[in-house]
Full PDB file with SEQRES, HELIX, SHEET, SSBOND, CRYST1, ORIGX, SCALE, CONECT and MASTER records, all heavy atoms in Angstrom:
SEQRES   1 A   41  GLY ALA TYR ARG TYR TYR ASN ALA THR VAL ASP VAL THR          
SEQRES   2 A   41  GLY LYS ASP ARG ALA SER LEU THR TYR CYS GLU ASP GLN          
SEQRES   3 A   41  SER LYS ALA TYR ASP MET TYR LEU LYS THR GLU LYS VAL          
SEQRES   4 A   41  ILE LYS                                                      
SHEET    1 AA1 2 ALA A   2  GLY A  14  0                                        
SHEET    2 AA1 2 ARG A  17  LYS A  28 -1                                        
SHEET    1 AA2 2 ASP A  31  TYR A  33  0                                        
SHEET    2 AA2 2 LYS A  38  ILE A  40 -1                                        
CRYST1    1.000    1.000    1.000  90.00  90.00  90.00 P 1           1          
ORIGX1      1.000000  0.000000  0.000000        0.00000                         
ORIGX2      0.000000  1.000000  0.000000        0.00000                         
ORIGX3      0.000000  0.000000  1.000000        0.00000                         
SCALE1      1.000000  0.000000  0.000000        0.00000                         
SCALE2      0.000000  1.000000  0.000000        0.00000                         
SCALE3      0.000000  0.000000  1.000000        0.00000                         
ATOM      1  N   GLY A   1      -8.325   7.208   5.176  1.00  0.00           N  
ATOM      2  CA  GLY A   1      -7.023   7.584   5.750  1.00  0.00           C  
ATOM      3  C   GLY A   1      -5.964   7.618   4.716  1.00  0.00           C  
ATOM      4  O   GLY A   1      -6.243   7.999   3.540  1.00  0.00           O  
ATOM      5  N   ALA A   2      -4.733   7.300   5.087  1.00  0.00           N  
ATOM      6  CA  ALA A   2      -3.640   7.363   4.137  1.00  0.00           C  
ATOM      7  C   ALA A   2      -2.666   6.204   4.331  1.00  0.00           C  
ATOM      8  O   ALA A   2      -2.456   5.716   5.445  1.00  0.00           O  
ATOM      9  CB  ALA A   2      -2.885   8.676   4.345  1.00  0.00           C  
ATOM     10  N   TYR A   3      -2.035   5.778   3.200  1.00  0.00           N  
ATOM     11  CA  TYR A   3      -0.974   4.827   3.182  1.00  0.00           C  
ATOM     12  C   TYR A   3       0.268   5.581   2.792  1.00  0.00           C  
ATOM     13  O   TYR A   3       0.187   6.576   2.073  1.00  0.00           O  
ATOM     14  CB  TYR A   3      -1.196   3.750   2.138  1.00  0.00           C  
ATOM     15  CG  TYR A   3      -2.246   2.755   2.478  1.00  0.00           C  
ATOM     16  CD1 TYR A   3      -3.315   2.522   1.643  1.00  0.00           C  
ATOM     17  CD2 TYR A   3      -2.160   1.966   3.642  1.00  0.00           C  
ATOM     18  CE1 TYR A   3      -4.261   1.584   1.965  1.00  0.00           C  
ATOM     19  CE2 TYR A   3      -3.110   1.048   3.939  1.00  0.00           C  
ATOM     20  CZ  TYR A   3      -4.162   0.836   3.072  1.00  0.00           C  
ATOM     21  OH  TYR A   3      -5.105  -0.100   3.389  1.00  0.00           O  
ATOM     22  N   ARG A   4       1.414   5.094   3.210  1.00  0.00           N  
ATOM     23  CA  ARG A   4       2.686   5.657   2.761  1.00  0.00           C  
ATOM     24  C   ARG A   4       3.480   4.482   2.177  1.00  0.00           C  
ATOM     25  O   ARG A   4       3.535   3.382   2.764  1.00  0.00           O  
ATOM     26  CB  ARG A   4       3.429   6.232   3.986  1.00  0.00           C  
ATOM     27  CG  ARG A   4       4.790   6.871   3.611  1.00  0.00           C  
ATOM     28  CD  ARG A   4       5.393   7.597   4.835  1.00  0.00           C  
ATOM     29  NE  ARG A   4       5.733   6.674   5.870  1.00  0.00           N  
ATOM     30  CZ  ARG A   4       6.924   6.095   6.019  1.00  0.00           C  
ATOM     31  NH1 ARG A   4       7.918   6.343   5.177  1.00  0.00           N  
ATOM     32  NH2 ARG A   4       7.144   5.278   7.031  1.00  0.00           N  
ATOM     33  N   TYR A   5       4.084   4.714   1.020  1.00  0.00           N  
ATOM     34  CA  TYR A   5       4.870   3.697   0.341  1.00  0.00           C  
ATOM     35  C   TYR A   5       6.314   4.137   0.338  1.00  0.00           C  
ATOM     36  O   TYR A   5       6.652   5.301   0.105  1.00  0.00           O  
ATOM     37  CB  TYR A   5       4.353   3.504  -1.102  1.00  0.00           C  
ATOM     38  CG  TYR A   5       2.895   3.102  -1.125  1.00  0.00           C  
ATOM     39  CD1 TYR A   5       1.939   4.048  -1.315  1.00  0.00           C  
ATOM     40  CD2 TYR A   5       2.528   1.780  -0.941  1.00  0.00           C  
ATOM     41  CE1 TYR A   5       0.581   3.747  -1.289  1.00  0.00           C  
ATOM     42  CE2 TYR A   5       1.172   1.439  -0.968  1.00  0.00           C  
ATOM     43  CZ  TYR A   5       0.197   2.428  -1.159  1.00  0.00           C  
ATOM     44  OH  TYR A   5      -1.073   2.079  -1.170  1.00  0.00           O  
ATOM     45  N   TYR A   6       7.244   3.217   0.571  1.00  0.00           N  
ATOM     46  CA  TYR A   6       8.653   3.555   0.708  1.00  0.00           C  
ATOM     47  C   TYR A   6       9.499   2.308   0.475  1.00  0.00           C  
ATOM     48  O   TYR A   6       9.020   1.151   0.361  1.00  0.00           O  
ATOM     49  CB  TYR A   6       8.977   4.189   2.028  1.00  0.00           C  
ATOM     50  CG  TYR A   6       8.533   3.365   3.209  1.00  0.00           C  
ATOM     51  CD1 TYR A   6       9.459   2.558   3.928  1.00  0.00           C  
ATOM     52  CD2 TYR A   6       7.218   3.289   3.652  1.00  0.00           C  
ATOM     53  CE1 TYR A   6       9.080   1.790   5.000  1.00  0.00           C  
ATOM     54  CE2 TYR A   6       6.803   2.518   4.745  1.00  0.00           C  
ATOM     55  CZ  TYR A   6       7.782   1.731   5.391  1.00  0.00           C  
ATOM     56  OH  TYR A   6       7.363   0.984   6.446  1.00  0.00           O  
ATOM     57  N   ASN A   7      10.826   2.494   0.421  1.00  0.00           N  
ATOM     58  CA  ASN A   7      11.824   1.431   0.225  1.00  0.00           C  
ATOM     59  C   ASN A   7      11.558   0.582  -0.981  1.00  0.00           C  
ATOM     60  O   ASN A   7      11.702  -0.638  -0.966  1.00  0.00           O  
ATOM     61  CB  ASN A   7      11.929   0.547   1.458  1.00  0.00           C  
ATOM     62  CG  ASN A   7      12.519   1.233   2.676  1.00  0.00           C  
ATOM     63  OD1 ASN A   7      13.057   2.337   2.541  1.00  0.00           O  
ATOM     64  ND2 ASN A   7      12.475   0.603   3.812  1.00  0.00           N  
ATOM     65  N   ALA A   8      11.204   1.210  -2.091  1.00  0.00           N  
ATOM     66  CA  ALA A   8      10.917   0.451  -3.303  1.00  0.00           C  
ATOM     67  C   ALA A   8      12.235   0.060  -4.036  1.00  0.00           C  
ATOM     68  O   ALA A   8      13.164   0.863  -4.103  1.00  0.00           O  
ATOM     69  CB  ALA A   8      10.062   1.320  -4.262  1.00  0.00           C  
ATOM     70  N   THR A   9      12.319  -1.190  -4.455  1.00  0.00           N  
ATOM     71  CA  THR A   9      13.423  -1.672  -5.238  1.00  0.00           C  
ATOM     72  C   THR A   9      12.946  -2.440  -6.397  1.00  0.00           C  
ATOM     73  O   THR A   9      11.974  -3.183  -6.329  1.00  0.00           O  
ATOM     74  CB  THR A   9      14.402  -2.535  -4.380  1.00  0.00           C  
ATOM     75  OG1 THR A   9      13.695  -3.691  -3.911  1.00  0.00           O  
ATOM     76  CG2 THR A   9      15.049  -1.776  -3.214  1.00  0.00           C  
ATOM     77  N   VAL A  10      13.655  -2.306  -7.532  1.00  0.00           N  
ATOM     78  CA  VAL A  10      13.276  -2.959  -8.773  1.00  0.00           C  
ATOM     79  C   VAL A  10      14.389  -3.823  -9.256  1.00  0.00           C  
ATOM     80  O   VAL A  10      15.576  -3.426  -9.187  1.00  0.00           O  
ATOM     81  CB  VAL A  10      12.964  -1.885  -9.866  1.00  0.00           C  
ATOM     82  CG1 VAL A  10      12.649  -2.554 -11.194  1.00  0.00           C  
ATOM     83  CG2 VAL A  10      11.830  -1.024  -9.427  1.00  0.00           C  
ATOM     84  N   ASP A  11      14.080  -4.985  -9.812  1.00  0.00           N  
ATOM     85  CA  ASP A  11      15.042  -5.855 -10.433  1.00  0.00           C  
ATOM     86  C   ASP A  11      14.443  -6.184 -11.830  1.00  0.00           C  
ATOM     87  O   ASP A  11      13.427  -6.900 -11.901  1.00  0.00           O  
ATOM     88  CB  ASP A  11      15.278  -7.102  -9.609  1.00  0.00           C  
ATOM     89  CG  ASP A  11      16.293  -8.037 -10.229  1.00  0.00           C  
ATOM     90  OD1 ASP A  11      17.175  -7.568 -11.010  1.00  0.00           O  
ATOM     91  OD2 ASP A  11      16.237  -9.276  -9.951  1.00  0.00           O  
ATOM     92  N   VAL A  12      15.089  -5.648 -12.870  1.00  0.00           N  
ATOM     93  CA  VAL A  12      14.590  -5.935 -14.173  1.00  0.00           C  
ATOM     94  C   VAL A  12      15.231  -7.240 -14.701  1.00  0.00           C  
ATOM     95  O   VAL A  12      16.486  -7.325 -14.684  1.00  0.00           O  
ATOM     96  CB  VAL A  12      14.980  -4.768 -15.170  1.00  0.00           C  
ATOM     97  CG1 VAL A  12      14.482  -5.089 -16.553  1.00  0.00           C  
ATOM     98  CG2 VAL A  12      14.310  -3.495 -14.627  1.00  0.00           C  
ATOM     99  N   THR A  13      14.410  -8.217 -15.054  1.00  0.00           N  
ATOM    100  CA  THR A  13      14.941  -9.523 -15.438  1.00  0.00           C  
ATOM    101  C   THR A  13      14.832  -9.814 -16.905  1.00  0.00           C  
ATOM    102  O   THR A  13      15.119 -10.923 -17.336  1.00  0.00           O  
ATOM    103  CB  THR A  13      14.217 -10.641 -14.609  1.00  0.00           C  
ATOM    104  OG1 THR A  13      12.804 -10.509 -14.820  1.00  0.00           O  
ATOM    105  CG2 THR A  13      14.514 -10.492 -13.143  1.00  0.00           C  
ATOM    106  N   GLY A  14      14.397  -8.837 -17.646  1.00  0.00           N  
ATOM    107  CA  GLY A  14      14.268  -8.982 -19.142  1.00  0.00           C  
ATOM    108  C   GLY A  14      13.592  -7.790 -19.692  1.00  0.00           C  
ATOM    109  O   GLY A  14      13.175  -6.909 -18.934  1.00  0.00           O  
ATOM    110  N   LYS A  15      13.381  -7.747 -20.969  1.00  0.00           N  
ATOM    111  CA  LYS A  15      12.766  -6.589 -21.607  1.00  0.00           C  
ATOM    112  C   LYS A  15      11.347  -6.391 -21.167  1.00  0.00           C  
ATOM    113  O   LYS A  15      10.761  -5.299 -21.287  1.00  0.00           O  
ATOM    114  CB  LYS A  15      12.929  -6.526 -23.113  1.00  0.00           C  
ATOM    115  CG  LYS A  15      12.145  -7.612 -23.768  1.00  0.00           C  
ATOM    116  CD  LYS A  15      12.272  -7.525 -25.300  1.00  0.00           C  
ATOM    117  CE  LYS A  15      11.324  -8.472 -25.958  1.00  0.00           C  
ATOM    118  NZ  LYS A  15      11.152  -8.244 -27.328  1.00  0.00           N  
ATOM    119  N   ASP A  16      10.663  -7.500 -20.741  1.00  0.00           N  
ATOM    120  CA  ASP A  16       9.294  -7.396 -20.333  1.00  0.00           C  
ATOM    121  C   ASP A  16       8.940  -8.030 -19.030  1.00  0.00           C  
ATOM    122  O   ASP A  16       7.828  -8.320 -18.718  1.00  0.00           O  
ATOM    123  CB  ASP A  16       8.396  -7.996 -21.422  1.00  0.00           C  
ATOM    124  CG  ASP A  16       8.589  -9.474 -21.632  1.00  0.00           C  
ATOM    125  OD1 ASP A  16       9.573 -10.005 -21.063  1.00  0.00           O  
ATOM    126  OD2 ASP A  16       7.796 -10.119 -22.352  1.00  0.00           O  
ATOM    127  N   ARG A  17       9.970  -8.226 -18.220  1.00  0.00           N  
ATOM    128  CA  ARG A  17       9.824  -8.851 -16.868  1.00  0.00           C  
ATOM    129  C   ARG A  17      10.576  -8.080 -15.844  1.00  0.00           C  
ATOM    130  O   ARG A  17      11.703  -7.597 -16.085  1.00  0.00           O  
ATOM    131  CB  ARG A  17      10.309 -10.308 -16.893  1.00  0.00           C  
ATOM    132  CG  ARG A  17       9.606 -11.184 -17.888  1.00  0.00           C  
ATOM    133  CD  ARG A  17       8.587 -12.026 -17.185  1.00  0.00           C  
ATOM    134  NE  ARG A  17       7.969 -12.893 -18.170  1.00  0.00           N  
ATOM    135  CZ  ARG A  17       6.668 -13.130 -18.233  1.00  0.00           C  
ATOM    136  NH1 ARG A  17       5.907 -12.540 -17.384  1.00  0.00           N  
ATOM    137  NH2 ARG A  17       6.176 -13.948 -19.135  1.00  0.00           N  
ATOM    138  N   ALA A  18       9.978  -7.947 -14.648  1.00  0.00           N  
ATOM    139  CA  ALA A  18      10.670  -7.283 -13.534  1.00  0.00           C  
ATOM    140  C   ALA A  18      10.056  -7.707 -12.231  1.00  0.00           C  
ATOM    141  O   ALA A  18       8.982  -8.265 -12.206  1.00  0.00           O  
ATOM    142  CB  ALA A  18      10.556  -5.774 -13.721  1.00  0.00           C  
ATOM    143  N   SER A  19      10.696  -7.460 -11.164  1.00  0.00           N  
ATOM    144  CA  SER A  19      10.166  -7.659  -9.821  1.00  0.00           C  
ATOM    145  C   SER A  19      10.291  -6.288  -9.074  1.00  0.00           C  
ATOM    146  O   SER A  19      11.172  -5.497  -9.336  1.00  0.00           O  
ATOM    147  CB  SER A  19      10.888  -8.738  -9.039  1.00  0.00           C  
ATOM    148  OG  SER A  19      12.250  -8.386  -8.848  1.00  0.00           O  
ATOM    149  N   LEU A  20       9.342  -6.103  -8.218  1.00  0.00           N  
ATOM    150  CA  LEU A  20       9.296  -4.855  -7.427  1.00  0.00           C  
ATOM    151  C   LEU A  20       8.970  -5.290  -5.977  1.00  0.00           C  
ATOM    152  O   LEU A  20       8.016  -5.979  -5.747  1.00  0.00           O  
ATOM    153  CB  LEU A  20       8.212  -3.927  -7.918  1.00  0.00           C  
ATOM    154  CG  LEU A  20       7.869  -2.710  -7.046  1.00  0.00           C  
ATOM    155  CD1 LEU A  20       9.064  -1.746  -6.998  1.00  0.00           C  
ATOM    156  CD2 LEU A  20       6.598  -2.045  -7.551  1.00  0.00           C  
ATOM    157  N   THR A  21       9.750  -4.741  -5.040  1.00  0.00           N  
ATOM    158  CA  THR A  21       9.383  -4.913  -3.625  1.00  0.00           C  
ATOM    159  C   THR A  21       9.271  -3.527  -3.077  1.00  0.00           C  
ATOM    160  O   THR A  21       9.995  -2.597  -3.521  1.00  0.00           O  
ATOM    161  CB  THR A  21      10.482  -5.699  -2.850  1.00  0.00           C  
ATOM    162  OG1 THR A  21      11.732  -5.041  -2.919  1.00  0.00           O  
ATOM    163  CG2 THR A  21      10.599  -7.129  -3.375  1.00  0.00           C  
ATOM    164  N   TYR A  22       8.392  -3.354  -2.098  1.00  0.00           N  
ATOM    165  CA  TYR A  22       8.174  -2.049  -1.491  1.00  0.00           C  
ATOM    166  C   TYR A  22       7.500  -2.308  -0.187  1.00  0.00           C  
ATOM    167  O   TYR A  22       6.893  -3.310   0.106  1.00  0.00           O  
ATOM    168  CB  TYR A  22       7.395  -1.128  -2.347  1.00  0.00           C  
ATOM    169  CG  TYR A  22       5.961  -1.554  -2.679  1.00  0.00           C  
ATOM    170  CD1 TYR A  22       4.899  -1.106  -1.909  1.00  0.00           C  
ATOM    171  CD2 TYR A  22       5.695  -2.438  -3.744  1.00  0.00           C  
ATOM    172  CE1 TYR A  22       3.589  -1.532  -2.226  1.00  0.00           C  
ATOM    173  CE2 TYR A  22       4.454  -2.833  -4.031  1.00  0.00           C  
ATOM    174  CZ  TYR A  22       3.390  -2.380  -3.281  1.00  0.00           C  
ATOM    175  OH  TYR A  22       2.122  -2.811  -3.538  1.00  0.00           O  
ATOM    176  N   CYS A  23       7.566  -1.273   0.705  1.00  0.00           N  
ATOM    177  CA  CYS A  23       6.922  -1.289   1.999  1.00  0.00           C  
ATOM    178  C   CYS A  23       5.700  -0.390   1.983  1.00  0.00           C  
ATOM    179  O   CYS A  23       5.701   0.601   1.213  1.00  0.00           O  
ATOM    180  CB  CYS A  23       7.900  -0.804   3.071  1.00  0.00           C  
ATOM    181  SG  CYS A  23       9.298  -1.906   3.377  1.00  0.00           S  
ATOM    182  N   GLU A  24       4.744  -0.728   2.806  1.00  0.00           N  
ATOM    183  CA  GLU A  24       3.525   0.059   2.946  1.00  0.00           C  
ATOM    184  C   GLU A  24       3.277   0.287   4.428  1.00  0.00           C  
ATOM    185  O   GLU A  24       3.260  -0.617   5.218  1.00  0.00           O  
ATOM    186  CB  GLU A  24       2.358  -0.711   2.335  1.00  0.00           C  
ATOM    187  CG  GLU A  24       1.026   0.045   2.469  1.00  0.00           C  
ATOM    188  CD  GLU A  24      -0.068  -0.794   1.845  1.00  0.00           C  
ATOM    189  OE1 GLU A  24      -0.389  -1.902   2.398  1.00  0.00           O  
ATOM    190  OE2 GLU A  24      -0.631  -0.358   0.844  1.00  0.00           O  
ATOM    191  N   ASP A  25       3.114   1.566   4.809  1.00  0.00           N  
ATOM    192  CA  ASP A  25       2.739   1.953   6.135  1.00  0.00           C  
ATOM    193  C   ASP A  25       1.263   2.129   6.197  1.00  0.00           C  
ATOM    194  O   ASP A  25       0.739   3.027   5.613  1.00  0.00           O  
ATOM    195  CB  ASP A  25       3.479   3.280   6.482  1.00  0.00           C  
ATOM    196  CG  ASP A  25       3.085   3.862   7.839  1.00  0.00           C  
ATOM    197  OD1 ASP A  25       2.186   3.345   8.495  1.00  0.00           O  
ATOM    198  OD2 ASP A  25       3.640   4.917   8.138  1.00  0.00           O  
ATOM    199  N   GLN A  26       0.568   1.235   6.945  1.00  0.00           N  
ATOM    200  CA  GLN A  26      -0.863   1.269   7.062  1.00  0.00           C  
ATOM    201  C   GLN A  26      -1.310   1.874   8.380  1.00  0.00           C  
ATOM    202  O   GLN A  26      -2.501   1.801   8.753  1.00  0.00           O  
ATOM    203  CB  GLN A  26      -1.459  -0.122   6.932  1.00  0.00           C  
ATOM    204  CG  GLN A  26      -1.174  -0.790   5.628  1.00  0.00           C  
ATOM    205  CD  GLN A  26      -1.754  -2.203   5.562  1.00  0.00           C  
ATOM    206  OE1 GLN A  26      -2.200  -2.775   6.559  1.00  0.00           O  
ATOM    207  NE2 GLN A  26      -1.760  -2.786   4.385  1.00  0.00           N  
ATOM    208  N   SER A  27      -0.403   2.505   9.112  1.00  0.00           N  
ATOM    209  CA  SER A  27      -0.732   2.979  10.480  1.00  0.00           C  
ATOM    210  C   SER A  27      -1.775   4.102  10.503  1.00  0.00           C  
ATOM    211  O   SER A  27      -2.385   4.327  11.533  1.00  0.00           O  
ATOM    212  CB  SER A  27       0.528   3.433  11.188  1.00  0.00           C  
ATOM    213  OG  SER A  27       1.135   4.564  10.563  1.00  0.00           O  
ATOM    214  N   LYS A  28      -1.973   4.746   9.381  1.00  0.00           N  
ATOM    215  CA  LYS A  28      -2.994   5.854   9.321  1.00  0.00           C  
ATOM    216  C   LYS A  28      -4.120   5.506   8.360  1.00  0.00           C  
ATOM    217  O   LYS A  28      -4.765   6.413   7.830  1.00  0.00           O  
ATOM    218  CB  LYS A  28      -2.286   7.152   8.969  1.00  0.00           C  
ATOM    219  CG  LYS A  28      -1.371   7.647  10.114  1.00  0.00           C  
ATOM    220  CD  LYS A  28      -0.701   8.918   9.770  1.00  0.00           C  
ATOM    221  CE  LYS A  28       0.148   9.443  10.887  1.00  0.00           C  
ATOM    222  NZ  LYS A  28       1.139   8.554  11.381  1.00  0.00           N  
ATOM    223  N   ALA A  29      -4.330   4.276   8.135  1.00  0.00           N  
ATOM    224  CA  ALA A  29      -5.412   3.771   7.240  1.00  0.00           C  
ATOM    225  C   ALA A  29      -6.399   2.956   8.082  1.00  0.00           C  
ATOM    226  O   ALA A  29      -5.943   2.093   8.876  1.00  0.00           O  
ATOM    227  CB  ALA A  29      -4.882   2.965   6.099  1.00  0.00           C  
ATOM    228  N   TYR A  30      -7.662   3.210   7.962  1.00  0.00           N  
ATOM    229  CA  TYR A  30      -8.680   2.574   8.811  1.00  0.00           C  
ATOM    230  C   TYR A  30      -9.861   2.099   7.974  1.00  0.00           C  
ATOM    231  O   TYR A  30     -10.225   2.623   6.939  1.00  0.00           O  
ATOM    232  CB  TYR A  30      -9.158   3.620   9.847  1.00  0.00           C  
ATOM    233  CG  TYR A  30      -8.067   4.315  10.542  1.00  0.00           C  
ATOM    234  CD1 TYR A  30      -7.749   5.616  10.235  1.00  0.00           C  
ATOM    235  CD2 TYR A  30      -7.340   3.673  11.537  1.00  0.00           C  
ATOM    236  CE1 TYR A  30      -6.730   6.291  10.843  1.00  0.00           C  
ATOM    237  CE2 TYR A  30      -6.257   4.323  12.168  1.00  0.00           C  
ATOM    238  CZ  TYR A  30      -5.968   5.641  11.840  1.00  0.00           C  
ATOM    239  OH  TYR A  30      -4.963   6.285  12.441  1.00  0.00           O  
ATOM    240  N   ASP A  31     -10.508   1.054   8.492  1.00  0.00           N  
ATOM    241  CA  ASP A  31     -11.748   0.578   7.852  1.00  0.00           C  
ATOM    242  C   ASP A  31     -12.899   1.549   8.189  1.00  0.00           C  
ATOM    243  O   ASP A  31     -13.016   2.030   9.332  1.00  0.00           O  
ATOM    244  CB  ASP A  31     -12.122  -0.834   8.314  1.00  0.00           C  
ATOM    245  CG  ASP A  31     -11.208  -1.889   7.805  1.00  0.00           C  
ATOM    246  OD1 ASP A  31     -10.560  -1.626   6.766  1.00  0.00           O  
ATOM    247  OD2 ASP A  31     -11.144  -2.966   8.418  1.00  0.00           O  
ATOM    248  N   MET A  32     -13.740   1.777   7.155  1.00  0.00           N  
ATOM    249  CA  MET A  32     -14.960   2.573   7.373  1.00  0.00           C  
ATOM    250  C   MET A  32     -16.110   1.803   6.814  1.00  0.00           C  
ATOM    251  O   MET A  32     -16.118   1.314   5.673  1.00  0.00           O  
ATOM    252  CB  MET A  32     -14.861   3.913   6.629  1.00  0.00           C  
ATOM    253  CG  MET A  32     -16.104   4.790   6.852  1.00  0.00           C  
ATOM    254  SD  MET A  32     -16.036   6.389   6.044  1.00  0.00           S  
ATOM    255  CE  MET A  32     -16.439   5.935   4.396  1.00  0.00           C  
ATOM    256  N   TYR A  33     -17.170   1.661   7.602  1.00  0.00           N  
ATOM    257  CA  TYR A  33     -18.368   0.925   7.190  1.00  0.00           C  
ATOM    258  C   TYR A  33     -19.307   1.910   6.536  1.00  0.00           C  
ATOM    259  O   TYR A  33     -19.628   2.934   7.072  1.00  0.00           O  
ATOM    260  CB  TYR A  33     -18.973   0.187   8.367  1.00  0.00           C  
ATOM    261  CG  TYR A  33     -17.997  -0.921   8.790  1.00  0.00           C  
ATOM    262  CD1 TYR A  33     -16.997  -0.702   9.690  1.00  0.00           C  
ATOM    263  CD2 TYR A  33     -18.073  -2.168   8.149  1.00  0.00           C  
ATOM    264  CE1 TYR A  33     -16.058  -1.654  10.025  1.00  0.00           C  
ATOM    265  CE2 TYR A  33     -17.145  -3.127   8.457  1.00  0.00           C  
ATOM    266  CZ  TYR A  33     -16.180  -2.896   9.387  1.00  0.00           C  
ATOM    267  OH  TYR A  33     -15.227  -3.854   9.691  1.00  0.00           O  
ATOM    268  N   LEU A  34     -19.753   1.548   5.325  1.00  0.00           N  
ATOM    269  CA  LEU A  34     -20.515   2.471   4.479  1.00  0.00           C  
ATOM    270  C   LEU A  34     -21.863   2.876   5.038  1.00  0.00           C  
ATOM    271  O   LEU A  34     -22.252   4.076   4.927  1.00  0.00           O  
ATOM    272  CB  LEU A  34     -20.637   1.867   3.068  1.00  0.00           C  
ATOM    273  CG  LEU A  34     -19.344   1.588   2.377  1.00  0.00           C  
ATOM    274  CD1 LEU A  34     -19.584   0.861   1.028  1.00  0.00           C  
ATOM    275  CD2 LEU A  34     -18.533   2.863   2.188  1.00  0.00           C  
ATOM    276  N   LYS A  35     -22.605   1.955   5.613  1.00  0.00           N  
ATOM    277  CA  LYS A  35     -23.973   2.246   6.100  1.00  0.00           C  
ATOM    278  C   LYS A  35     -23.922   3.259   7.245  1.00  0.00           C  
ATOM    279  O   LYS A  35     -24.717   4.206   7.214  1.00  0.00           O  
ATOM    280  CB  LYS A  35     -24.645   0.953   6.611  1.00  0.00           C  
ATOM    281  CG  LYS A  35     -26.087   1.138   6.941  1.00  0.00           C  
ATOM    282  CD  LYS A  35     -26.741  -0.204   7.253  1.00  0.00           C  
ATOM    283  CE  LYS A  35     -28.206   0.031   7.574  1.00  0.00           C  
ATOM    284  NZ  LYS A  35     -28.904  -1.200   7.834  1.00  0.00           N  
ATOM    285  N   THR A  36     -23.019   3.122   8.162  1.00  0.00           N  
ATOM    286  CA  THR A  36     -22.946   4.006   9.298  1.00  0.00           C  
ATOM    287  C   THR A  36     -21.871   5.083   9.175  1.00  0.00           C  
ATOM    288  O   THR A  36     -21.871   6.019   9.983  1.00  0.00           O  
ATOM    289  CB  THR A  36     -22.678   3.234  10.583  1.00  0.00           C  
ATOM    290  OG1 THR A  36     -21.384   2.624  10.442  1.00  0.00           O  
ATOM    291  CG2 THR A  36     -23.725   2.177  10.845  1.00  0.00           C  
ATOM    292  N   GLU A  37     -20.985   4.932   8.227  1.00  0.00           N  
ATOM    293  CA  GLU A  37     -19.795   5.771   8.046  1.00  0.00           C  
ATOM    294  C   GLU A  37     -18.908   5.760   9.296  1.00  0.00           C  
ATOM    295  O   GLU A  37     -18.135   6.670   9.511  1.00  0.00           O  
ATOM    296  CB  GLU A  37     -20.164   7.175   7.630  1.00  0.00           C  
ATOM    297  CG  GLU A  37     -20.825   7.203   6.235  1.00  0.00           C  
ATOM    298  CD  GLU A  37     -20.985   8.603   5.706  1.00  0.00           C  
ATOM    299  OE1 GLU A  37     -20.669   9.625   6.414  1.00  0.00           O  
ATOM    300  OE2 GLU A  37     -21.471   8.745   4.566  1.00  0.00           O  
ATOM    301  N   LYS A  38     -19.075   4.728  10.085  1.00  0.00           N  
ATOM    302  CA  LYS A  38     -18.212   4.550  11.279  1.00  0.00           C  
ATOM    303  C   LYS A  38     -16.821   4.129  10.895  1.00  0.00           C  
ATOM    304  O   LYS A  38     -16.636   3.180  10.132  1.00  0.00           O  
ATOM    305  CB  LYS A  38     -18.789   3.526  12.235  1.00  0.00           C  
ATOM    306  CG  LYS A  38     -18.038   3.405  13.508  1.00  0.00           C  
ATOM    307  CD  LYS A  38     -18.681   2.503  14.537  1.00  0.00           C  
ATOM    308  CE  LYS A  38     -17.849   2.443  15.740  1.00  0.00           C  
ATOM    309  NZ  LYS A  38     -18.421   1.660  16.818  1.00  0.00           N  
ATOM    310  N   VAL A  39     -15.827   4.834  11.390  1.00  0.00           N  
ATOM    311  CA  VAL A  39     -14.417   4.545  11.138  1.00  0.00           C  
ATOM    312  C   VAL A  39     -13.875   3.763  12.355  1.00  0.00           C  
ATOM    313  O   VAL A  39     -14.041   4.173  13.511  1.00  0.00           O  
ATOM    314  CB  VAL A  39     -13.584   5.845  10.904  1.00  0.00           C  
ATOM    315  CG1 VAL A  39     -12.104   5.520  10.750  1.00  0.00           C  
ATOM    316  CG2 VAL A  39     -14.116   6.563   9.689  1.00  0.00           C  
ATOM    317  N   ILE A  40     -13.234   2.628  12.051  1.00  0.00           N  
ATOM    318  CA  ILE A  40     -12.669   1.814  13.112  1.00  0.00           C  
ATOM    319  C   ILE A  40     -11.147   2.108  13.146  1.00  0.00           C  
ATOM    320  O   ILE A  40     -10.394   1.668  12.340  1.00  0.00           O  
ATOM    321  CB  ILE A  40     -12.842   0.305  12.839  1.00  0.00           C  
ATOM    322  CG1 ILE A  40     -14.359   0.010  12.602  1.00  0.00           C  
ATOM    323  CG2 ILE A  40     -12.283  -0.521  13.986  1.00  0.00           C  
ATOM    324  CD1 ILE A  40     -15.259   0.345  13.748  1.00  0.00           C  
ATOM    325  N   LYS A  41     -10.735   2.974  14.113  1.00  0.00           N  
ATOM    326  CA  LYS A  41      -9.329   3.309  14.239  1.00  0.00           C  
ATOM    327  C   LYS A  41      -8.636   2.250  15.074  1.00  0.00           C  
ATOM    328  O   LYS A  41      -9.041   1.984  16.211  1.00  0.00           O  
ATOM    329  CB  LYS A  41      -9.183   4.681  14.854  1.00  0.00           C  
ATOM    330  CG  LYS A  41      -9.652   5.803  13.938  1.00  0.00           C  
ATOM    331  CD  LYS A  41      -9.164   7.111  14.365  1.00  0.00           C  
ATOM    332  CE  LYS A  41      -9.507   8.156  13.289  1.00  0.00           C  
ATOM    333  NZ  LYS A  41      -8.964   9.456  13.604  1.00  0.00           N  
TER     334      LYS A  41                                                      
MASTER        0    0    0    0    4    0    0    6  333    1    0    4          
END                                                                             
């Protein structure tokens, strides 16, 4: 399926350090079992 990423914000705390927060929409991502290829929606 698909994920959507949004609302990303960055805070740089030094030349080699930063924090990142973001949202992930998992509403269209589903587990699929390899043996049967069954998708669990």
